């Protein structure tokens, strides 16, 4: 993109990036519904937003608002300070029936310059239920979504086992989970899109470096995966519904087979061991029998709740709880499982804010729960002692030059030492380094064009500056 259009787009969308900042610092504390301990830390549970309907997806957006899908078809932004729901769009062609409806959503990492919202949902075509992936364009001035573009459609679907969670990887490709649509054998059929994790470019084309050239398939052998995320270190994890046994959490590796329907859970039966050896099967990191109906999956690594650092957090529908799954240094072992939040019914969606709060969406109005009068709700889990005690002073005198930048950027500090972090529009770390002097050079090799934030943390305070990379 040429510098002038990029600057113009940045100017138009900058309020979107900064508009929620005041809300974050001024967030009022809602009445506590309950508390629980995570080691020595007291975590308080409160309700942010009531009277919702099957909160399928929760994301923390670059505007410092929560972005939410409800299964009946509504996409909204939610103010994390007040709980106010700002509807963005109710999709006109969503078919909600049993498990089908509006499912996963993800935002483009360079949202300020590429304000795209990706959603996956079920629809009816000539009387037949199907599934599709659609890209919308967000218009901040009108808080609306426009210009729908179908990136992938005509996927076989039924009212059960449609998946589907979305995740944009650090390499700017998109992963999409699909269920087996109650046709178990399709999970092993490489010509079928069902029972897979698919990988696409952000324009819907097939990446040249997919495991099988010309194929969208990234992994196969899935039953109904409904959790998906990539950690900052690049590792990918997914949660998956089993049949009556062996719900799973898997580490996702390109080209691997996850066994269904020939293998349920671990490769521990003689016939399963033969299949696993012959088909490059990746065993789960952990599995549950009886099943818990695992849904949303996120990663927690914030100092607000130290006992959760380095852990996956998993919501469970059937077992009605939040599960902590600590990862070892290799990312290949989950040695313990600890349950929390067992009194709020079915839990489906989960995300973490930059302030270390955990947001959980209930799913008690999905036809399988017992809704309370205010369900469904977004719950907030936070260490209030940490939030109130860790508001650093503003650090004056920080300069970023040149801006816009291309190859490198100079960060000038009032004093060292300091930590300098470059984040993309979704808050993900792109670069990080330590500065011991009053000037540091931040290399931009491999950084894609877009709007970023440069965050500086020193003993005397913190500062954030916007940076445009051309």
Protein backbone atom coordinates (compact mmCIF):
# COMPACT_ATOMS: atom_id res chain seq x y z
CA UNK A 1 0.00 0.00 0.00
CA UNK A 2 1.29 3.49 -0.84
CA UNK A 3 2.14 5.78 2.10
CA UNK A 4 -0.67 8.31 1.50
CA UNK A 5 -3.56 5.79 1.48
CA UNK A 6 -2.04 4.03 4.48
CA UNK A 7 -1.82 7.28 6.45
CA UNK A 8 -5.37 8.16 5.48
CA UNK A 9 -6.67 4.78 6.57
CA UNK A 10 -4.76 5.02 9.82
CA UNK A 11 -6.31 8.43 10.50
CA UNK A 12 -9.78 7.12 9.78
CA UNK A 13 -9.45 4.04 12.00
CA UNK A 14 -7.31 5.40 14.82
CA UNK A 15 -10.38 6.12 16.99
CA UNK A 16 -11.23 2.43 16.65
CA UNK A 17 -7.83 1.47 18.05
CA UNK A 18 -7.83 4.03 20.85
CA UNK A 19 -11.51 4.50 21.65
CA UNK A 20 -11.62 1.88 24.36
CA UNK A 21 -8.53 3.02 26.24
CA UNK A 22 -10.39 5.32 28.61
CA UNK A 23 -12.91 2.59 29.31
CA UNK A 24 -10.12 0.22 30.32
CA UNK A 25 -8.63 2.53 32.90
CA UNK A 26 -12.02 3.64 34.24
CA UNK A 27 -13.64 0.23 34.47
CA UNK A 28 -16.02 0.07 37.43
CA UNK A 29 -16.11 -3.04 39.59
CA UNK A 30 -19.38 -4.93 39.22
CA UNK A 31 -20.87 -6.74 42.23
CA UNK A 32 -19.08 -10.00 42.95
CA UNK A 33 -21.09 -13.15 42.24
CA UNK A 34 -18.51 -15.45 43.83
CA UNK A 35 -14.80 -15.87 44.45
CA UNK A 36 -12.37 -18.78 44.22
CA UNK A 37 -8.71 -19.33 44.93
CA UNK A 38 -5.94 -19.99 42.42
CA UNK A 39 -3.05 -20.68 44.76
CA UNK A 40 -2.73 -17.58 46.99
CA UNK A 41 -4.69 -15.44 44.49
CA UNK A 42 -8.37 -14.63 45.00
CA UNK A 43 -10.26 -14.54 41.70
CA UNK A 44 -13.54 -12.61 41.67
CA UNK A 45 -16.39 -13.55 39.36
CA UNK A 46 -18.84 -10.89 38.20
CA UNK A 47 -21.36 -10.51 35.38
CA UNK A 48 -20.50 -8.05 32.64
CA UNK A 49 -23.48 -8.48 30.29
CA UNK A 50 -26.75 -10.38 30.89
CA UNK A 51 -29.68 -11.41 28.67
CA UNK A 52 -27.70 -12.82 25.76
CA UNK A 53 -28.43 -15.96 23.72
CA UNK A 54 -25.77 -18.69 23.35
CA UNK A 55 -22.50 -16.75 23.35
CA UNK A 56 -20.56 -18.78 20.80
CA UNK A 57 -17.48 -16.60 20.33
CA UNK A 58 -15.67 -14.00 22.43
CA UNK A 59 -12.63 -12.10 21.17
CA UNK A 60 -10.65 -9.17 22.53
CA UNK A 61 -10.62 -6.62 19.71
CA UNK A 62 -8.06 -3.99 18.71
CA UNK A 63 -10.61 -1.33 19.75
CA UNK A 64 -10.38 -2.60 23.35
CA UNK A 65 -13.91 -3.94 23.11
CA UNK A 66 -15.05 -7.54 23.25
CA UNK A 67 -16.35 -8.93 19.97
CA UNK A 68 -19.07 -11.54 20.31
CA UNK A 69 -21.16 -13.91 18.21
CA UNK A 70 -24.48 -15.31 19.36
CA UNK A 71 -25.61 -18.48 17.68
CA UNK A 72 -28.87 -17.08 16.33
CA UNK A 73 -26.85 -14.76 14.08
CA UNK A 74 -25.90 -11.55 15.88
CA UNK A 75 -22.38 -10.07 15.84
CA UNK A 76 -21.75 -7.39 18.48
CA UNK A 77 -19.11 -5.32 20.19
CA UNK A 78 -19.33 -5.26 23.99
CA UNK A 79 -17.97 -2.42 26.12
CA UNK A 80 -15.81 -4.09 28.81
CA UNK A 81 -16.31 -1.16 31.18
CA UNK A 82 -20.12 -0.98 31.08
CA UNK A 83 -21.25 -4.25 29.50
CA UNK A 84 -23.21 -2.34 26.87
CA UNK A 85 -23.85 -4.34 23.71
CA UNK A 86 -23.31 -2.54 20.41
CA UNK A 87 -24.87 -4.70 17.67
CA UNK A 88 -22.83 -4.68 14.47
CA UNK A 89 -24.83 -7.05 12.26
CA UNK A 90 -27.43 -9.79 12.47
CA UNK A 91 -26.68 -12.14 9.60
CA UNK A 92 -29.78 -12.59 7.41
CA UNK A 93 -29.17 -16.18 6.29
CA UNK A 94 -28.06 -18.01 9.45
CA UNK A 95 -29.87 -21.28 10.15
CA UNK A 96 -29.98 -21.99 13.88
CA UNK A 97 -31.17 -25.52 14.54
CA UNK A 98 -29.84 -27.62 17.41
CA UNK A 99 -26.02 -27.08 17.19
CA UNK A 100 -26.07 -25.18 13.90
CA UNK A 101 -26.01 -21.40 13.58
CA UNK A 102 -23.45 -18.59 13.76
CA UNK A 103 -20.27 -20.11 15.15
CA UNK A 104 -16.66 -18.85 15.16
CA UNK A 105 -15.22 -15.44 14.35
CA UNK A 106 -11.77 -13.89 14.03
CA UNK A 107 -10.49 -10.40 13.17
CA UNK A 108 -7.72 -9.58 10.72
CA UNK A 109 -4.41 -9.00 12.60
CA UNK A 110 -3.85 -5.70 10.76
CA UNK A 111 -7.36 -4.50 11.55
CA UNK A 112 -6.61 -0.79 11.23
CA UNK A 113 -5.56 -1.19 7.60
CA UNK A 114 -7.47 -4.37 6.75
CA UNK A 115 -10.69 -4.14 8.81
CA UNK A 116 -11.91 -7.64 7.96
CA UNK A 117 -14.09 -9.82 10.14
CA UNK A 118 -14.20 -13.55 9.33
CA UNK A 119 -17.20 -15.61 10.45
CA UNK A 120 -18.31 -19.18 9.89
CA UNK A 121 -21.95 -20.23 10.05
CA UNK A 122 -24.64 -22.63 8.86
CA UNK A 123 -27.12 -21.65 6.18
CA UNK A 124 -29.79 -23.34 4.09
CA UNK A 125 -29.36 -23.74 0.33
CA UNK A 126 -32.31 -25.17 -1.60
CA UNK A 127 -33.56 -26.82 1.56
CA UNK A 128 -30.19 -28.35 2.45
CA UNK A 129 -28.17 -27.27 5.50
CA UNK A 130 -24.60 -26.23 4.70
CA UNK A 131 -21.71 -24.27 6.18
CA UNK A 132 -19.63 -21.38 4.87
CA UNK A 133 -16.79 -19.03 5.73
CA UNK A 134 -17.51 -15.37 4.98
CA UNK A 135 -15.35 -12.24 5.20
CA UNK A 136 -17.00 -8.93 6.08
CA UNK A 137 -15.53 -5.42 6.11
CA UNK A 138 -15.98 -3.37 9.27
CA UNK A 139 -16.94 0.31 8.92
CA UNK A 140 -16.03 2.06 12.17
CA UNK A 141 -17.94 5.24 11.37
CA UNK A 142 -21.25 3.37 11.32
CA UNK A 143 -20.30 0.39 13.52
CA UNK A 144 -21.41 -1.95 10.74
CA UNK A 145 -20.25 -4.86 8.63
CA UNK A 146 -20.52 -4.62 4.86
CA UNK A 147 -19.34 -6.25 1.63
CA UNK A 148 -19.74 -9.95 2.48
CA UNK A 149 -17.39 -12.18 0.52
CA UNK A 150 -17.79 -15.96 0.66
CA UNK A 151 -14.32 -17.46 0.94
CA UNK A 152 -15.45 -21.06 1.27
CA UNK A 153 -18.99 -22.42 1.01
CA UNK A 154 -21.09 -25.44 0.21
CA UNK A 155 -19.58 -27.45 3.09
CA UNK A 156 -21.72 -30.44 4.05
CA UNK A 157 -23.50 -29.87 7.35
CA UNK A 158 -26.16 -31.27 9.64
CA UNK A 159 -27.68 -29.88 12.81
CA UNK A 160 -24.83 -31.52 14.76
CA UNK A 161 -21.03 -31.60 14.43
CA UNK A 162 -20.33 -28.46 12.40
CA UNK A 163 -17.33 -27.26 14.42
CA UNK A 164 -16.29 -24.48 13.88
CA UNK A 165 -13.61 -22.27 15.34
CA UNK A 166 -11.32 -19.90 13.41
CA UNK A 167 -7.73 -18.87 14.09
CA UNK A 168 -5.39 -16.59 12.12
CA UNK A 169 -1.80 -17.76 12.45
CA UNK A 170 1.28 -15.58 12.75
CA UNK A 171 2.08 -16.29 9.07
CA UNK A 172 -1.25 -14.65 8.10
CA UNK A 173 -3.02 -17.84 7.11
CA UNK A 174 -6.40 -18.90 8.48
CA UNK A 175 -7.25 -22.19 10.20
CA UNK A 176 -10.87 -23.38 10.30
CA UNK A 177 -12.17 -26.45 12.11
CA UNK A 178 -14.98 -28.53 10.63
CA UNK A 179 -17.00 -31.33 12.19
CA UNK A 180 -17.76 -34.68 10.62
CA UNK A 181 -21.45 -33.72 10.09
CA UNK A 182 -22.42 -37.09 11.62
CA UNK A 183 -20.64 -38.86 8.76
CA UNK A 184 -17.71 -40.32 10.67
CA UNK A 185 -15.98 -41.90 7.69
CA UNK A 186 -15.61 -38.48 6.02
CA UNK A 187 -13.02 -37.52 8.61
CA UNK A 188 -10.54 -39.90 6.94
CA UNK A 189 -11.63 -38.94 3.40
CA UNK A 190 -9.06 -36.50 2.05
CA UNK A 191 -11.49 -35.41 -0.68
CA UNK A 192 -13.99 -34.20 1.95
CA UNK A 193 -13.83 -30.94 3.91
CA UNK A 194 -15.56 -32.53 6.91
CA UNK A 195 -13.76 -33.68 10.04
CA UNK A 196 -10.72 -31.53 9.27
CA UNK A 197 -8.76 -28.47 10.18
CA UNK A 198 -8.47 -26.43 6.98
CA UNK A 199 -5.82 -23.84 6.15
CA UNK A 200 -6.49 -20.96 3.76
CA UNK A 201 -4.93 -17.67 2.83
CA UNK A 202 -6.84 -14.65 4.11
CA UNK A 203 -8.34 -14.15 0.65
CA UNK A 204 -9.65 -17.72 0.61
CA UNK A 205 -7.02 -19.17 -1.73
CA UNK A 206 -5.00 -22.26 -0.87
CA UNK A 207 -1.52 -21.67 0.59
CA UNK A 208 1.26 -23.02 -1.57
CA UNK A 209 2.92 -24.68 1.43
CA UNK A 210 -0.06 -26.65 2.70
CA UNK A 211 0.81 -30.27 3.61
CA UNK A 212 -0.78 -31.50 0.38
CA UNK A 213 -0.30 -29.13 -2.59
CA UNK A 214 -3.60 -27.82 -3.91
CA UNK A 215 -5.55 -29.04 -0.87
CA UNK A 216 -7.04 -26.99 1.98
CA UNK A 217 -6.43 -29.84 4.40
CA UNK A 218 -4.10 -29.03 7.29
CA UNK A 219 -5.03 -32.00 9.50
CA UNK A 220 -7.61 -34.79 9.30
CA UNK A 221 -9.29 -37.35 11.51
CA UNK A 222 -11.37 -34.96 13.64
CA UNK A 223 -14.85 -35.55 15.02
CA UNK A 224 -16.03 -32.09 16.14
CA UNK A 225 -13.27 -29.66 17.18
CA UNK A 226 -14.62 -26.45 18.74
CA UNK A 227 -11.54 -24.85 20.31
CA UNK A 228 -8.50 -23.55 18.42
CA UNK A 229 -5.62 -21.20 19.16
CA UNK A 230 -1.97 -20.46 18.44
CA UNK A 231 0.39 -19.58 21.28
CA UNK A 232 2.97 -16.78 20.99
CA UNK A 233 5.65 -19.46 20.50
CA UNK A 234 3.80 -20.75 17.42
CA UNK A 235 2.35 -23.95 18.88
CA UNK A 236 -1.25 -24.71 17.94
CA UNK A 237 -3.83 -26.43 20.14
CA UNK A 238 -7.41 -27.59 19.66
CA UNK A 239 -10.19 -29.04 21.82
CA UNK A 240 -12.46 -31.72 20.40
CA UNK A 241 -15.68 -33.49 21.31
CA UNK A 242 -15.45 -37.27 21.53
CA UNK A 243 -18.41 -39.69 21.28
CA UNK A 244 -19.41 -41.10 24.70
CA UNK A 245 -15.72 -41.32 25.66
CA UNK A 246 -12.46 -39.51 25.02
CA UNK A 247 -12.98 -35.80 24.67
CA UNK A 248 -9.59 -34.44 23.69
CA UNK A 249 -7.15 -31.56 23.75
CA UNK A 250 -4.67 -31.91 20.88
CA UNK A 251 -1.49 -30.25 19.78
CA UNK A 252 -2.02 -29.52 16.10
CA UNK A 253 0.79 -30.28 13.67
CA UNK A 254 0.53 -29.91 9.88
CA UNK A 255 -0.27 -33.06 7.96
CA UNK A 256 -1.02 -35.15 11.04
CA UNK A 257 -3.96 -37.53 11.41
CA UNK A 258 -5.96 -37.33 14.65
CA UNK A 259 -7.52 -40.74 14.28
CA UNK A 260 -11.30 -40.40 14.24
CA UNK A 261 -13.25 -42.64 13.73
CA UNK A 262 -10.62 -45.40 13.78
CA UNK A 263 -9.09 -44.14 17.01
CA UNK A 264 -10.90 -42.72 20.04
CA UNK A 265 -8.52 -40.88 22.36
CA UNK A 266 -5.14 -42.58 22.79
CA UNK A 267 -3.66 -45.31 20.59
CA UNK A 268 -4.16 -47.87 23.35
CA UNK A 269 -6.11 -50.70 21.73
CA UNK A 270 -4.43 -53.23 19.39
CA UNK A 271 -6.39 -52.19 16.30
CA UNK A 272 -5.84 -48.51 17.14
CA UNK A 273 -2.10 -49.04 17.51
CA UNK A 274 -1.92 -50.58 14.03
CA UNK A 275 -3.88 -47.66 12.53
CA UNK A 276 -1.82 -45.07 14.41
CA UNK A 277 1.47 -46.51 13.22
CA UNK A 278 0.33 -46.64 9.61
CA UNK A 279 -1.36 -43.21 9.45
CA UNK A 280 0.88 -40.71 11.27
CA UNK A 281 -1.62 -40.32 14.11
CA UNK A 282 -0.97 -37.69 16.79
CA UNK A 283 -2.29 -38.76 20.19
CA UNK A 284 -4.09 -36.21 22.37
CA UNK A 285 -2.29 -34.42 25.19
CA UNK A 286 -5.15 -35.28 27.50
CA UNK A 287 -8.54 -36.96 27.22
CA UNK A 288 -11.70 -37.23 29.33
CA UNK A 289 -13.87 -40.28 29.97
CA UNK A 290 -16.67 -39.64 30.82
CA UNK A 291 -16.85 -36.75 28.42
CA UNK A 292 -17.08 -33.09 29.42
CA UNK A 293 -18.08 -31.52 26.03
CA UNK A 294 -15.05 -29.20 25.60
CA UNK A 295 -15.65 -25.96 23.73
CA UNK A 296 -13.64 -22.71 23.82
CA UNK A 297 -9.89 -22.70 24.40
CA UNK A 298 -7.53 -19.86 25.30
CA UNK A 299 -4.04 -19.38 26.75
CA UNK A 300 -3.24 -17.53 29.97
CA UNK A 301 0.18 -16.03 30.64
CA UNK A 302 -0.48 -12.83 32.58
CA UNK A 303 0.93 -11.91 36.02
CA UNK A 304 -2.54 -10.98 37.33
CA UNK A 305 -3.25 -14.63 38.16
CA UNK A 306 0.19 -16.25 38.59
CA UNK A 307 -1.19 -19.72 39.21
CA UNK A 308 -2.67 -19.82 35.72
CA UNK A 309 0.44 -18.68 33.86
CA UNK A 310 1.54 -20.98 31.08
CA UNK A 311 -1.82 -22.75 31.00
CA UNK A 312 -4.60 -23.47 28.55
CA UNK A 313 -8.05 -22.54 29.84
CA UNK A 314 -10.87 -24.70 28.49
CA UNK A 315 -14.62 -24.20 28.78
CA UNK A 316 -16.83 -27.26 29.15
CA UNK A 317 -20.47 -27.43 28.14
CA UNK A 318 -21.54 -30.79 29.51
CA UNK A 319 -19.39 -30.73 32.64
CA UNK A 320 -20.26 -27.04 33.18
CA UNK A 321 -16.87 -25.82 34.31
CA UNK A 322 -13.64 -24.06 33.38
CA UNK A 323 -10.57 -26.30 33.27
CA UNK A 324 -6.96 -25.19 33.74
CA UNK A 325 -4.45 -27.25 31.73
CA UNK A 326 -0.82 -26.32 32.55
CA UNK A 327 1.62 -26.92 29.71
CA UNK A 328 5.17 -28.10 30.30
CA UNK A 329 8.16 -26.39 28.67
CA UNK A 330 7.90 -28.56 25.55
CA UNK A 331 4.19 -27.88 25.09
CA UNK A 332 3.61 -31.62 24.76
CA UNK A 333 2.52 -32.57 28.26
CA UNK A 334 -0.49 -31.69 30.41
CA UNK A 335 0.25 -33.30 33.77
CA UNK A 336 -2.66 -31.91 35.80
CA UNK A 337 -6.23 -30.69 35.29
CA UNK A 338 -7.91 -28.30 37.72
CA UNK A 339 -11.58 -27.34 37.60
CA UNK A 340 -13.14 -23.95 38.37
CA UNK A 341 -16.39 -22.03 37.85
CA UNK A 342 -18.78 -24.94 38.31
CA UNK A 343 -21.96 -23.04 39.28
CA UNK A 344 -22.83 -21.04 36.16
CA UNK A 345 -24.10 -23.76 33.84
CA UNK A 346 -22.82 -24.53 30.37
CA UNK A 347 -19.66 -22.59 29.46
CA UNK A 348 -18.82 -22.16 25.77
CA UNK A 349 -16.56 -19.19 24.89
CA UNK A 350 -13.51 -17.70 26.58
CA UNK A 351 -10.88 -15.01 25.97
CA UNK A 352 -8.26 -13.02 27.90
CA UNK A 353 -7.83 -9.25 27.91
CA UNK A 354 -4.44 -7.47 27.90
CA UNK A 355 -5.15 -6.61 31.56
CA UNK A 356 -5.30 -10.28 32.54
CA UNK A 357 -9.07 -10.54 32.94
CA UNK A 358 -10.74 -13.71 31.67
CA UNK A 359 -14.11 -13.40 29.94
CA UNK A 360 -16.37 -16.45 29.75
CA UNK A 361 -19.60 -16.74 27.75
CA UNK A 362 -22.36 -19.03 29.02
CA UNK A 363 -24.47 -21.25 26.77
CA UNK A 364 -27.52 -22.04 28.88
CA UNK A 365 -30.04 -21.06 26.19
CA UNK A 366 -28.68 -23.46 23.58
CA UNK A 367 -31.45 -26.02 24.19
CA UNK A 368 -29.39 -28.22 26.52
CA UNK A 369 -29.10 -26.02 29.58
CA UNK A 370 -31.26 -24.67 32.37
CA UNK A 371 -31.09 -20.90 31.92
CA UNK A 372 -31.24 -18.53 34.85
CA UNK A 373 -33.34 -15.40 34.53
CA UNK A 374 -30.37 -13.32 33.31
CA UNK A 375 -28.79 -15.94 31.01
CA UNK A 376 -26.93 -16.03 28.86
CA UNK A 377 -24.15 -13.92 30.35
CA UNK A 378 -20.57 -12.80 29.89
CA UNK A 379 -18.73 -13.48 33.13
CA UNK A 380 -15.55 -11.65 34.18
CA UNK A 381 -12.84 -13.43 36.17
CA UNK A 382 -10.22 -11.12 37.67
CA UNK A 383 -7.73 -10.61 40.45
CA UNK A 384 -9.05 -7.30 41.71
CA UNK A 385 -6.08 -6.74 43.98
CA UNK A 386 -3.74 -6.89 40.99
CA UNK A 387 -5.92 -4.67 38.80
CA UNK A 388 -6.15 -1.94 41.43
CA UNK A 389 -2.47 -2.13 42.40
CA UNK A 390 -0.81 -2.18 38.99
CA UNK A 391 -1.61 1.03 37.19
CA UNK A 392 1.84 2.30 36.21
CA UNK A 393 2.59 5.95 35.76
CA UNK A 394 2.77 7.39 32.27
CA UNK A 395 6.30 7.54 30.91
CA UNK A 396 6.98 10.89 29.26
CA UNK A 397 9.54 11.60 26.57
CA UNK A 398 9.19 8.43 24.51
CA UNK A 399 9.60 9.07 20.77
CA UNK A 400 9.27 6.73 17.80
CA UNK A 401 11.05 7.78 14.60
CA UNK A 402 10.61 7.58 11.65
CA UNK A 403 6.87 7.10 11.60
CA UNK A 404 5.78 5.70 9.15
CA UNK A 405 8.76 3.37 9.01
CA UNK A 406 9.96 0.62 6.68
CA UNK A 407 13.16 -1.20 7.66
CA UNK A 408 13.92 -0.02 11.18
CA UNK A 409 12.51 2.36 13.77
CA UNK A 410 14.33 4.27 16.49
CA UNK A 411 12.75 4.30 19.94
CA UNK A 412 14.06 7.15 22.09
CA UNK A 413 13.66 6.81 25.85
CA UNK A 414 13.99 9.31 28.70
CA UNK A 415 16.19 6.78 30.49
CA UNK A 416 17.09 3.11 30.47
CA UNK A 417 16.78 0.28 31.13
CA UNK A 418 13.41 -0.51 29.55
CA UNK A 419 11.57 -3.21 27.69
CA UNK A 420 10.31 -2.35 24.19
CA UNK A 421 7.56 -4.47 22.66
CA UNK A 422 6.02 -4.16 19.19
CA UNK A 423 2.45 -5.51 18.98
CA UNK A 424 0.09 -5.94 16.05
CA UNK A 425 -3.51 -4.67 16.01
CA UNK A 426 -4.73 -7.75 17.90
CA UNK A 427 -2.19 -7.26 20.67
CA UNK A 428 0.13 -10.08 19.62
CA UNK A 429 3.87 -9.66 20.21
CA UNK A 430 5.80 -9.12 16.97
CA UNK A 431 9.13 -7.93 18.38
CA UNK A 432 10.50 -7.62 21.91
CA UNK A 433 13.87 -6.39 23.16
CA UNK A 434 15.58 -4.87 26.17
CA UNK A 435 17.04 -1.37 26.04
CA UNK A 436 19.86 -0.30 28.36
CA UNK A 437 20.46 3.13 26.82
CA UNK A 438 18.26 6.06 25.85
CA UNK A 439 17.91 4.93 22.24
CA UNK A 440 17.24 1.54 20.72
CA UNK A 441 16.81 0.40 17.13
CA UNK A 442 13.87 -1.90 16.46
CA UNK A 443 14.31 -3.97 13.27
CA UNK A 444 11.22 -4.34 11.06
CA UNK A 445 12.41 -7.10 8.76
CA UNK A 446 9.54 -9.49 8.12
CA UNK A 447 6.96 -7.14 9.67
CA UNK A 448 4.01 -6.74 7.33
CA UNK A 449 2.58 -3.29 6.50
CA UNK A 450 -0.01 -2.10 8.99
CA UNK A 451 -0.64 -0.16 12.18
CA UNK A 452 1.19 -1.39 15.28
CA UNK A 453 1.78 -0.24 18.84
CA UNK A 454 5.18 0.25 20.45
CA UNK A 455 4.94 -0.39 24.19
CA UNK A 456 7.71 0.77 26.50
CA UNK A 457 7.95 -0.34 30.13
CA UNK A 458 10.53 1.10 32.51
CA UNK A 459 10.84 1.35 36.28
CA UNK A 460 9.42 4.87 36.18
CA UNK A 461 6.36 4.07 34.07
CA UNK A 462 4.98 2.89 30.74
CA UNK A 463 4.16 4.43 27.38
CA UNK A 464 2.43 3.36 24.20
CA UNK A 465 2.97 4.86 20.75
CA UNK A 466 1.33 4.03 17.43
CA UNK A 467 3.60 3.02 14.56
CA UNK A 468 2.74 2.70 10.89
CA UNK A 469 4.84 0.17 8.98
CA UNK A 470 4.86 0.66 5.22
